[in-house]
Amino acid sequence: MIATLTRIQRHPIKTLGHEVLDRVSLQAGRRIPGDREWAVLTEAGERHAQISQSDGQPDRWLPKSCFLRGVSAPPLQAVRGGWRGQKIALTHPERPDLTFDPQLEEERLVEWLGPLWPAKAPRPTRLIKGAAIWTDSKWPWISILSQDSLTELEQKTGKKLGTDRWRGNLWIEGLQPFQERELVGQVIRIGETELRVTDHIGRCAATNVDTTTGAPDIDMVDMLAQLYGHTDFGIFAEVVTGGTITVGDEVAQ
């Protein structure tokens, strides 16, 4: 198996936007630095959060149900943006542009998100950082997705699906469609790093949403099940040997 790393992506705030990187340094047993470092807690999440006494931040990993997510509010899928110096800049087709300091101006983000959140859902309360990185899994895994699988899926559905709706970290190209599924349990190399492929990525209704408009345009979960007999897209991997990876690096076993 030989492929190429074509895209590196991280999401500074869980669910809200992303940024594309040329390279990143990985450490063994760690996620991509800065990925899902922040998240917006909801009223329901507040009831589950264990708050540390020192700084008011959660002192443990929290499940995804505690946070704002695209599966509960499809318009959130159209938020774009990432770091701009020491601030985060976000855009949305239905909201004015927002640039804010996550350390000092969290209330501006919560206010900005209000109109994008369903009226009957638990309201967003605050932006948190805390002790954990707020990925859906508590394990220190990185997501890897195949451009070849996406191309085939777009052909079979007749839709331009794009990369954004999948919220992946690494995109690779050069495999047979869905060949990445065969890598679970194996070790792969990307540049100078080694990663152990740990699991398939099961998908939810957040992938139903067009990330340009924030409106659902396909039943992705059902479509995957019909076409492939499963609802997975992509794989998880854990860094075994750290190092720097760069777009254009070879991906091999």
C-alpha atoms as a PDB file:
ATOM      1  CA  MET A   1       0.000   0.000   0.000  1.00  0.00           C
ATOM      2  CA  ILE A   2       1.389   3.368  -1.040  1.00  0.00           C
ATOM      3  CA  ALA A   3      -0.605   6.587  -0.913  1.00  0.00           C
ATOM      4  CA  THR A   4       0.015  10.306  -0.377  1.00  0.00           C
ATOM      5  CA  LEU A   5      -0.976  12.658   2.423  1.00  0.00           C
ATOM      6  CA  THR A   6      -3.018  15.380   0.688  1.00  0.00           C
ATOM      7  CA  ARG A   7      -4.581  17.388   3.509  1.00  0.00           C
ATOM      8  CA  ILE A   8      -4.029  18.122   7.213  1.00  0.00           C
ATOM      9  CA  GLN A   9      -6.947  19.674   9.072  1.00  0.00           C
ATOM     10  CA  ARG A  10      -7.735  20.589  12.645  1.00  0.00           C
ATOM     11  CA  HIS A  11     -10.747  22.092  14.391  1.00  0.00           C
ATOM     12  CA  PRO A  12      -9.806  24.595  17.131  1.00  0.00           C
ATOM     13  CA  ILE A  13     -13.396  24.603  18.477  1.00  0.00           C
ATOM     14  CA  LYS A  14     -15.395  21.378  18.389  1.00  0.00           C
ATOM     15  CA  THR A  15     -18.016  21.526  15.574  1.00  0.00           C
ATOM     16  CA  LEU A  16     -17.237  25.160  14.692  1.00  0.00           C
ATOM     17  CA  GLY A  17     -15.028  25.576  11.639  1.00  0.00           C
ATOM     18  CA  HIS A  18     -11.606  24.212  10.777  1.00  0.00           C
ATOM     19  CA  GLU A  19      -8.185  25.234   9.508  1.00  0.00           C
ATOM     20  CA  VAL A  20      -5.882  23.577   6.984  1.00  0.00           C
ATOM     21  CA  LEU A  21      -2.200  23.062   7.827  1.00  0.00           C
ATOM     22  CA  ASP A  22       0.821  22.364   5.622  1.00  0.00           C
ATOM     23  CA  ARG A  23       2.544  20.313   8.325  1.00  0.00           C
ATOM     24  CA  VAL A  24       2.147  19.301  11.942  1.00  0.00           C
ATOM     25  CA  SER A  25       4.269  17.630  14.618  1.00  0.00           C
ATOM     26  CA  LEU A  26       2.733  14.542  16.209  1.00  0.00           C
ATOM     27  CA  GLN A  27       3.586  12.932  19.537  1.00  0.00           C
ATOM     28  CA  ALA A  28       3.117   9.294  20.483  1.00  0.00           C
ATOM     29  CA  GLY A  29      -0.224   8.699  22.175  1.00  0.00           C
ATOM     30  CA  ARG A  30      -1.473  12.241  21.466  1.00  0.00           C
ATOM     31  CA  ARG A  31      -3.986  13.823  19.133  1.00  0.00           C
ATOM     32  CA  ILE A  32      -3.186  16.557  16.625  1.00  0.00           C
ATOM     33  CA  PRO A  33      -2.104  19.587  18.681  1.00  0.00           C
ATOM     34  CA  GLY A  34      -4.881  22.145  18.940  1.00  0.00           C
ATOM     35  CA  ASP A  35      -7.607  19.920  17.507  1.00  0.00           C
ATOM     36  CA  ARG A  36     -10.918  20.267  19.394  1.00  0.00           C
ATOM     37  CA  GLU A  37      -9.007  22.132  22.076  1.00  0.00           C
ATOM     38  CA  TRP A  38     -12.112  24.190  22.820  1.00  0.00           C
ATOM     39  CA  ALA A  39     -15.819  23.293  22.880  1.00  0.00           C
ATOM     40  CA  VAL A  40     -19.104  25.045  23.662  1.00  0.00           C
ATOM     41  CA  LEU A  41     -20.899  23.523  26.633  1.00  0.00           C
ATOM     42  CA  THR A  42     -24.720  23.415  26.781  1.00  0.00           C
ATOM     43  CA  GLU A  43     -27.117  23.708  29.706  1.00  0.00           C
ATOM     44  CA  ALA A  44     -27.433  19.918  29.707  1.00  0.00           C
ATOM     45  CA  GLY A  45     -23.664  19.588  29.588  1.00  0.00           C
ATOM     46  CA  GLU A  46     -23.272  21.824  32.618  1.00  0.00           C
ATOM     47  CA  ARG A  47     -25.245  19.324  34.657  1.00  0.00           C
ATOM     48  CA  HIS A  48     -22.802  16.564  33.751  1.00  0.00           C
ATOM     49  CA  ALA A  49     -19.562  18.503  33.941  1.00  0.00           C
ATOM     50  CA  GLN A  50     -17.225  17.951  36.872  1.00  0.00           C
ATOM     51  CA  ILE A  51     -15.819  21.399  37.564  1.00  0.00           C
ATOM     52  CA  SER A  52     -12.363  21.711  39.061  1.00  0.00           C
ATOM     53  CA  GLN A  53     -11.941  24.046  42.001  1.00  0.00           C
ATOM     54  CA  SER A  54      -8.851  25.778  40.668  1.00  0.00           C
ATOM     55  CA  ASP A  55      -9.950  27.396  37.393  1.00  0.00           C
ATOM     56  CA  GLY A  56     -13.622  26.553  36.853  1.00  0.00           C
ATOM     57  CA  GLN A  57     -12.863  24.251  33.929  1.00  0.00           C
ATOM     58  CA  PRO A  58     -13.889  20.581  33.601  1.00  0.00           C
ATOM     59  CA  ASP A  59     -11.185  18.323  35.007  1.00  0.00           C
ATOM     60  CA  ARG A  60     -11.965  15.272  32.852  1.00  0.00           C
ATOM     61  CA  TRP A  61     -13.043  14.276  29.338  1.00  0.00           C
ATOM     62  CA  LEU A  62     -16.754  14.810  28.687  1.00  0.00           C
ATOM     63  CA  PRO A  63     -18.960  12.939  26.193  1.00  0.00           C
ATOM     64  CA  LYS A  64     -20.116  14.655  23.013  1.00  0.00           C
ATOM     65  CA  SER A  65     -23.680  14.987  24.335  1.00  0.00           C
ATOM     66  CA  CYS A  66     -22.456  17.799  26.604  1.00  0.00           C
ATOM     67  CA  PHE A  67     -21.572  20.095  23.702  1.00  0.00           C
ATOM     68  CA  LEU A  68     -23.009  21.971  20.748  1.00  0.00           C
ATOM     69  CA  ARG A  69     -22.950  19.574  17.785  1.00  0.00           C
ATOM     70  CA  GLY A  70     -24.005  19.670  14.175  1.00  0.00           C
ATOM     71  CA  VAL A  71     -26.198  16.587  14.608  1.00  0.00           C
ATOM     72  CA  SER A  72     -28.453  18.659  16.898  1.00  0.00           C
ATOM     73  CA  ALA A  73     -28.188  21.944  14.976  1.00  0.00           C
ATOM     74  CA  PRO A  74     -27.481  21.477  11.236  1.00  0.00           C
ATOM     75  CA  PRO A  75     -26.745  25.208  10.646  1.00  0.00           C
ATOM     76  CA  LEU A  76     -23.582  24.817  12.754  1.00  0.00           C
ATOM     77  CA  GLN A  77     -22.103  22.686   9.973  1.00  0.00           C
ATOM     78  CA  ALA A  78     -21.750  25.836   7.849  1.00  0.00           C
ATOM     79  CA  VAL A  79     -19.498  27.625  10.362  1.00  0.00           C
ATOM     80  CA  ARG A  80     -16.017  28.168   8.952  1.00  0.00           C
ATOM     81  CA  GLY A  81     -12.804  29.571  10.347  1.00  0.00           C
ATOM     82  CA  GLY A  82      -9.896  29.072  12.726  1.00  0.00           C
ATOM     83  CA  TRP A  83      -7.023  30.871  14.400  1.00  0.00           C
ATOM     84  CA  ARG A  84      -6.012  34.332  13.206  1.00  0.00           C
ATOM     85  CA  GLY A  85      -3.040  35.221  15.359  1.00  0.00           C
ATOM     86  CA  GLN A  86      -4.211  35.121  18.998  1.00  0.00           C
ATOM     87  CA  LYS A  87      -7.894  35.217  18.066  1.00  0.00           C
ATOM     88  CA  ILE A  88     -10.340  32.920  16.309  1.00  0.00           C
ATOM     89  CA  ALA A  89     -12.215  34.203  13.253  1.00  0.00           C
ATOM     90  CA  LEU A  90     -15.518  32.535  12.267  1.00  0.00           C
ATOM     91  CA  THR A  91     -17.980  33.040   9.425  1.00  0.00           C
ATOM     92  CA  HIS A  92     -21.469  31.748   8.638  1.00  0.00           C
ATOM     93  CA  PRO A  93     -23.822  32.573   5.743  1.00  0.00           C
ATOM     94  CA  GLU A  94     -26.555  33.727   8.178  1.00  0.00           C
ATOM     95  CA  ARG A  95     -24.392  35.577  10.737  1.00  0.00           C
ATOM     96  CA  PRO A  96     -22.002  38.537  10.688  1.00  0.00           C
ATOM     97  CA  ASP A  97     -18.310  37.639  10.755  1.00  0.00           C
ATOM     98  CA  LEU A  98     -16.919  37.148  14.252  1.00  0.00           C
ATOM     99  CA  THR A  99     -13.353  37.514  15.507  1.00  0.00           C
ATOM    100  CA  PHE A 100     -12.859  36.942  19.221  1.00  0.00           C
ATOM    101  CA  ASP A 101     -10.341  35.983  21.884  1.00  0.00           C
ATOM    102  CA  PRO A 102     -11.401  32.581  23.306  1.00  0.00           C
ATOM    103  CA  GLN A 103      -9.674  33.332  26.601  1.00  0.00           C
ATOM    104  CA  LEU A 104     -11.418  36.661  27.216  1.00  0.00           C
ATOM    105  CA  GLU A 105     -14.465  36.991  24.966  1.00  0.00           C
ATOM    106  CA  GLU A 106     -16.349  33.705  25.178  1.00  0.00           C
ATOM    107  CA  GLU A 107     -19.651  35.522  25.739  1.00  0.00           C
ATOM    108  CA  ARG A 108     -19.379  37.032  22.244  1.00  0.00           C
ATOM    109  CA  LEU A 109     -19.206  33.536  20.740  1.00  0.00           C
ATOM    110  CA  VAL A 110     -22.170  32.275  22.784  1.00  0.00           C
ATOM    111  CA  GLU A 111     -24.255  35.261  21.688  1.00  0.00           C
ATOM    112  CA  TRP A 112     -23.215  34.799  18.041  1.00  0.00           C
ATOM    113  CA  LEU A 113     -24.254  31.123  18.118  1.00  0.00           C
ATOM    114  CA  GLY A 114     -27.681  31.749  19.640  1.00  0.00           C
ATOM    115  CA  PRO A 115     -29.663  32.168  16.392  1.00  0.00           C
ATOM    116  CA  LEU A 116     -28.095  28.998  14.944  1.00  0.00           C
ATOM    117  CA  TRP A 117     -29.258  26.764  17.776  1.00  0.00           C
ATOM    118  CA  PRO A 118     -32.771  25.175  17.919  1.00  0.00           C
ATOM    119  CA  ALA A 119     -35.069  27.016  20.323  1.00  0.00           C
ATOM    120  CA  LYS A 120     -36.144  23.838  22.162  1.00  0.00           C
ATOM    121  CA  ALA A 121     -32.622  22.437  22.594  1.00  0.00           C
ATOM    122  CA  PRO A 122     -30.476  23.045  25.702  1.00  0.00           C
ATOM    123  CA  ARG A 123     -28.881  26.441  25.189  1.00  0.00           C
ATOM    124  CA  PRO A 124     -25.139  27.087  24.756  1.00  0.00           C
ATOM    125  CA  THR A 125     -23.653  28.367  28.003  1.00  0.00           C
ATOM    126  CA  ARG A 126     -19.889  28.867  27.690  1.00  0.00           C
ATOM    127  CA  LEU A 127     -16.703  28.030  25.870  1.00  0.00           C
ATOM    128  CA  ILE A 128     -14.459  25.604  27.736  1.00  0.00           C
ATOM    129  CA  LYS A 129     -10.933  24.307  27.368  1.00  0.00           C
ATOM    130  CA  GLY A 130     -10.308  22.137  30.392  1.00  0.00           C
ATOM    131  CA  ALA A 131      -8.123  19.100  30.867  1.00  0.00           C
ATOM    132  CA  ALA A 132      -9.072  17.135  27.756  1.00  0.00           C
ATOM    133  CA  ILE A 133      -9.263  17.552  23.997  1.00  0.00           C
ATOM    134  CA  TRP A 134     -12.938  17.400  23.131  1.00  0.00           C
ATOM    135  CA  THR A 135     -13.008  14.714  20.445  1.00  0.00           C
ATOM    136  CA  ASP A 136     -15.975  12.320  20.373  1.00  0.00           C
ATOM    137  CA  SER A 137     -13.741   9.476  21.536  1.00  0.00           C
ATOM    138  CA  LYS A 138     -11.867   9.695  24.828  1.00  0.00           C
ATOM    139  CA  TRP A 139      -8.992   7.763  23.255  1.00  0.00           C
ATOM    140  CA  PRO A 140      -6.083   9.753  21.754  1.00  0.00           C
ATOM    141  CA  TRP A 141      -6.939   8.927  18.156  1.00  0.00           C
ATOM    142  CA  ILE A 142      -6.506  10.824  14.884  1.00  0.00           C
ATOM    143  CA  SER A 143      -8.960  10.444  12.025  1.00  0.00           C
ATOM    144  CA  ILE A 144      -7.728   9.443   8.553  1.00  0.00           C
ATOM    145  CA  LEU A 145      -9.989   9.669   5.499  1.00  0.00           C
ATOM    146  CA  SER A 146      -9.532   8.578   1.905  1.00  0.00           C
ATOM    147  CA  GLN A 147      -9.991  10.945  -1.012  1.00  0.00           C
ATOM    148  CA  ASP A 148     -10.470   7.899  -3.231  1.00  0.00           C
ATOM    149  CA  SER A 149     -13.384   6.688  -1.110  1.00  0.00           C
ATOM    150  CA  LEU A 150     -14.912  10.164  -1.207  1.00  0.00           C
ATOM    151  CA  THR A 151     -14.595  10.315  -4.995  1.00  0.00           C
ATOM    152  CA  GLU A 152     -16.401   6.995  -5.375  1.00  0.00           C
ATOM    153  CA  LEU A 153     -19.110   8.027  -2.906  1.00  0.00           C
ATOM    154  CA  GLU A 154     -19.656  11.276  -4.815  1.00  0.00           C
ATOM    155  CA  GLN A 155     -19.959   9.343  -8.065  1.00  0.00           C
ATOM    156  CA  LYS A 156     -22.459   6.879  -6.610  1.00  0.00           C
ATOM    157  CA  THR A 157     -24.608   9.554  -4.948  1.00  0.00           C
ATOM    158  CA  GLY A 158     -24.329  12.041  -7.797  1.00  0.00           C
ATOM    159  CA  LYS A 159     -23.477  14.807  -5.314  1.00  0.00           C
ATOM    160  CA  LYS A 160     -20.409  16.919  -4.621  1.00  0.00           C
ATOM    161  CA  LEU A 161     -20.001  16.092  -0.952  1.00  0.00           C
ATOM    162  CA  GLY A 162     -16.632  17.736  -0.251  1.00  0.00           C
ATOM    163  CA  THR A 163     -14.248  17.142   2.628  1.00  0.00           C
ATOM    164  CA  ASP A 164     -15.643  19.547   5.233  1.00  0.00           C
ATOM    165  CA  ARG A 165     -18.717  17.594   6.340  1.00  0.00           C
ATOM    166  CA  TRP A 166     -16.531  14.699   7.541  1.00  0.00           C
ATOM    167  CA  ARG A 167     -14.444  16.724  10.070  1.00  0.00           C
ATOM    168  CA  GLY A 168     -11.351  14.633   9.357  1.00  0.00           C
ATOM    169  CA  ASN A 169      -7.763  15.269  10.440  1.00  0.00           C
ATOM    170  CA  LEU A 170      -5.765  13.637   7.642  1.00  0.00           C
ATOM    171  CA  TRP A 171      -6.778  12.964   4.050  1.00  0.00           C
ATOM    172  CA  ILE A 172      -4.848  10.504   1.911  1.00  0.00           C
ATOM    173  CA  GLU A 173      -5.047   9.603  -1.771  1.00  0.00           C
ATOM    174  CA  GLY A 174      -3.826   6.662  -3.855  1.00  0.00           C
ATOM    175  CA  LEU A 175      -5.792   3.708  -2.473  1.00  0.00           C
ATOM    176  CA  GLN A 176      -8.638   1.729  -3.918  1.00  0.00           C
ATOM    177  CA  PRO A 177     -11.983   3.084  -2.671  1.00  0.00           C
ATOM    178  CA  PHE A 178     -12.564   1.986   0.920  1.00  0.00           C
ATOM    179  CA  GLN A 179      -9.282   0.056   0.988  1.00  0.00           C
ATOM    180  CA  GLU A 180      -8.479   1.916   4.204  1.00  0.00           C
ATOM    181  CA  ARG A 181     -11.002  -0.318   5.974  1.00  0.00           C
ATOM    182  CA  GLU A 182      -8.565  -3.210   5.584  1.00  0.00           C
ATOM    183  CA  LEU A 183      -5.899  -1.380   7.626  1.00  0.00           C
ATOM    184  CA  VAL A 184      -7.549  -1.750  11.044  1.00  0.00           C
ATOM    185  CA  GLY A 185      -5.055  -3.456  13.351  1.00  0.00           C
ATOM    186  CA  GLN A 186      -2.063  -2.591  11.161  1.00  0.00           C
ATOM    187  CA  VAL A 187       0.714  -0.002  11.463  1.00  0.00           C
ATOM    188  CA  ILE A 188       1.178   2.580   8.716  1.00  0.00           C
ATOM    189  CA  ARG A 189       3.880   5.171   8.123  1.00  0.00           C
ATOM    190  CA  ILE A 190       3.272   8.789   7.180  1.00  0.00           C
ATOM    191  CA  GLY A 191       6.566  10.538   6.591  1.00  0.00           C
ATOM    192  CA  GLU A 192       8.669   9.944   9.716  1.00  0.00           C
ATOM    193  CA  THR A 193       5.740   8.880  11.919  1.00  0.00           C
ATOM    194  CA  GLU A 194       4.128   5.526  12.620  1.00  0.00           C
ATOM    195  CA  LEU A 195       0.447   5.113  13.435  1.00  0.00           C
ATOM    196  CA  ARG A 196      -1.530   2.052  14.477  1.00  0.00           C
ATOM    197  CA  VAL A 197      -4.952   1.930  12.840  1.00  0.00           C
ATOM    198  CA  THR A 198      -7.448   1.275  15.625  1.00  0.00           C
ATOM    199  CA  ASP A 199     -11.020   1.346  14.317  1.00  0.00           C
ATOM    200  CA  HIS A 200     -13.528   2.383  11.660  1.00  0.00           C
ATOM    201  CA  ILE A 201     -15.288   5.740  12.037  1.00  0.00           C
ATOM    202  CA  GLY A 202     -19.036   5.303  12.362  1.00  0.00           C
ATOM    203  CA  ARG A 203     -21.011   8.243  10.997  1.00  0.00           C
ATOM    204  CA  CYS A 204     -24.012  10.179  12.317  1.00  0.00           C
ATOM    205  CA  ALA A 205     -26.593  12.538  10.854  1.00  0.00           C
ATOM    206  CA  ALA A 206     -24.198  15.521  11.020  1.00  0.00           C
ATOM    207  CA  THR A 207     -22.800  14.277   7.700  1.00  0.00           C
ATOM    208  CA  ASN A 208     -26.232  14.820   6.117  1.00  0.00           C
ATOM    209  CA  VAL A 209     -25.588  18.554   5.985  1.00  0.00           C
ATOM    210  CA  ASP A 210     -24.237  20.689   3.155  1.00  0.00           C
ATOM    211  CA  THR A 211     -21.462  22.693   4.826  1.00  0.00           C
ATOM    212  CA  THR A 212     -21.974  25.637   2.457  1.00  0.00           C
ATOM    213  CA  THR A 213     -25.612  26.241   3.368  1.00  0.00           C
ATOM    214  CA  GLY A 214     -26.015  24.477   6.718  1.00  0.00           C
ATOM    215  CA  ALA A 215     -29.054  22.595   5.361  1.00  0.00           C
ATOM    216  CA  PRO A 216     -29.415  18.787   5.077  1.00  0.00           C
ATOM    217  CA  ASP A 217     -29.052  17.605   1.483  1.00  0.00           C
ATOM    218  CA  ILE A 218     -28.719  13.817   1.811  1.00  0.00           C
ATOM    219  CA  ASP A 219     -29.402  11.008   4.289  1.00  0.00           C
ATOM    220  CA  MET A 220     -25.750  10.024   4.474  1.00  0.00           C
ATOM    221  CA  VAL A 221     -26.091   7.312   7.104  1.00  0.00           C
ATOM    222  CA  ASP A 222     -28.796   5.546   5.125  1.00  0.00           C
ATOM    223  CA  MET A 223     -26.881   6.030   1.871  1.00  0.00           C
ATOM    224  CA  LEU A 224     -23.728   4.436   3.284  1.00  0.00           C
ATOM    225  CA  ALA A 225     -25.761   1.522   4.573  1.00  0.00           C
ATOM    226  CA  GLN A 226     -27.457   1.012   1.210  1.00  0.00           C
ATOM    227  CA  LEU A 227     -24.265   1.287  -0.844  1.00  0.00           C
ATOM    228  CA  TYR A 228     -21.778  -0.514   1.391  1.00  0.00           C
ATOM    229  CA  GLY A 229     -23.658  -2.390   4.088  1.00  0.00           C
ATOM    230  CA  HIS A 230     -22.168  -0.257   6.886  1.00  0.00           C
ATOM    231  CA  THR A 231     -22.293   3.350   8.099  1.00  0.00           C
ATOM    232  CA  ASP A 232     -18.539   3.981   8.366  1.00  0.00           C
ATOM    233  CA  PHE A 233     -16.396   6.505   6.564  1.00  0.00           C
ATOM    234  CA  GLY A 234     -12.712   6.749   7.487  1.00  0.00           C
ATOM    235  CA  ILE A 235     -10.499   5.168  10.108  1.00  0.00           C
ATOM    236  CA  PHE A 236      -9.014   6.096  13.470  1.00  0.00           C
ATOM    237  CA  ALA A 237      -5.303   5.710  14.251  1.00  0.00           C
ATOM    238  CA  GLU A 238      -3.055   6.232  17.269  1.00  0.00           C
ATOM    239  CA  VAL A 239       0.407   7.735  16.930  1.00  0.00           C
ATOM    240  CA  VAL A 240       3.042   5.132  17.852  1.00  0.00           C
ATOM    241  CA  THR A 241       6.180   6.977  16.776  1.00  0.00           C
ATOM    242  CA  GLY A 242       5.992  10.751  16.698  1.00  0.00           C
ATOM    243  CA  GLY A 243       7.470  13.193  14.229  1.00  0.00           C
ATOM    244  CA  THR A 244       6.537  15.850  11.704  1.00  0.00           C
ATOM    245  CA  ILE A 245       4.177  15.066   8.854  1.00  0.00           C
ATOM    246  CA  THR A 246       3.859  17.283   5.765  1.00  0.00           C
ATOM    247  CA  VAL A 247       1.365  17.426   2.924  1.00  0.00           C
ATOM    248  CA  GLY A 248       2.877  15.338   0.131  1.00  0.00           C
ATOM    249  CA  ASP A 249       4.405  12.721   2.457  1.00  0.00           C
ATOM    250  CA  GLU A 250       4.184   9.092   1.425  1.00  0.00           C
ATOM    251  CA  VAL A 251       1.729   6.881   3.293  1.00  0.00           C
ATOM    252  CA  ALA A 252       2.760   3.218   3.382  1.00  0.00           C
ATOM    253  CA  GLN A 253       2.679   0.053   5.455  1.00  0.00           C
END
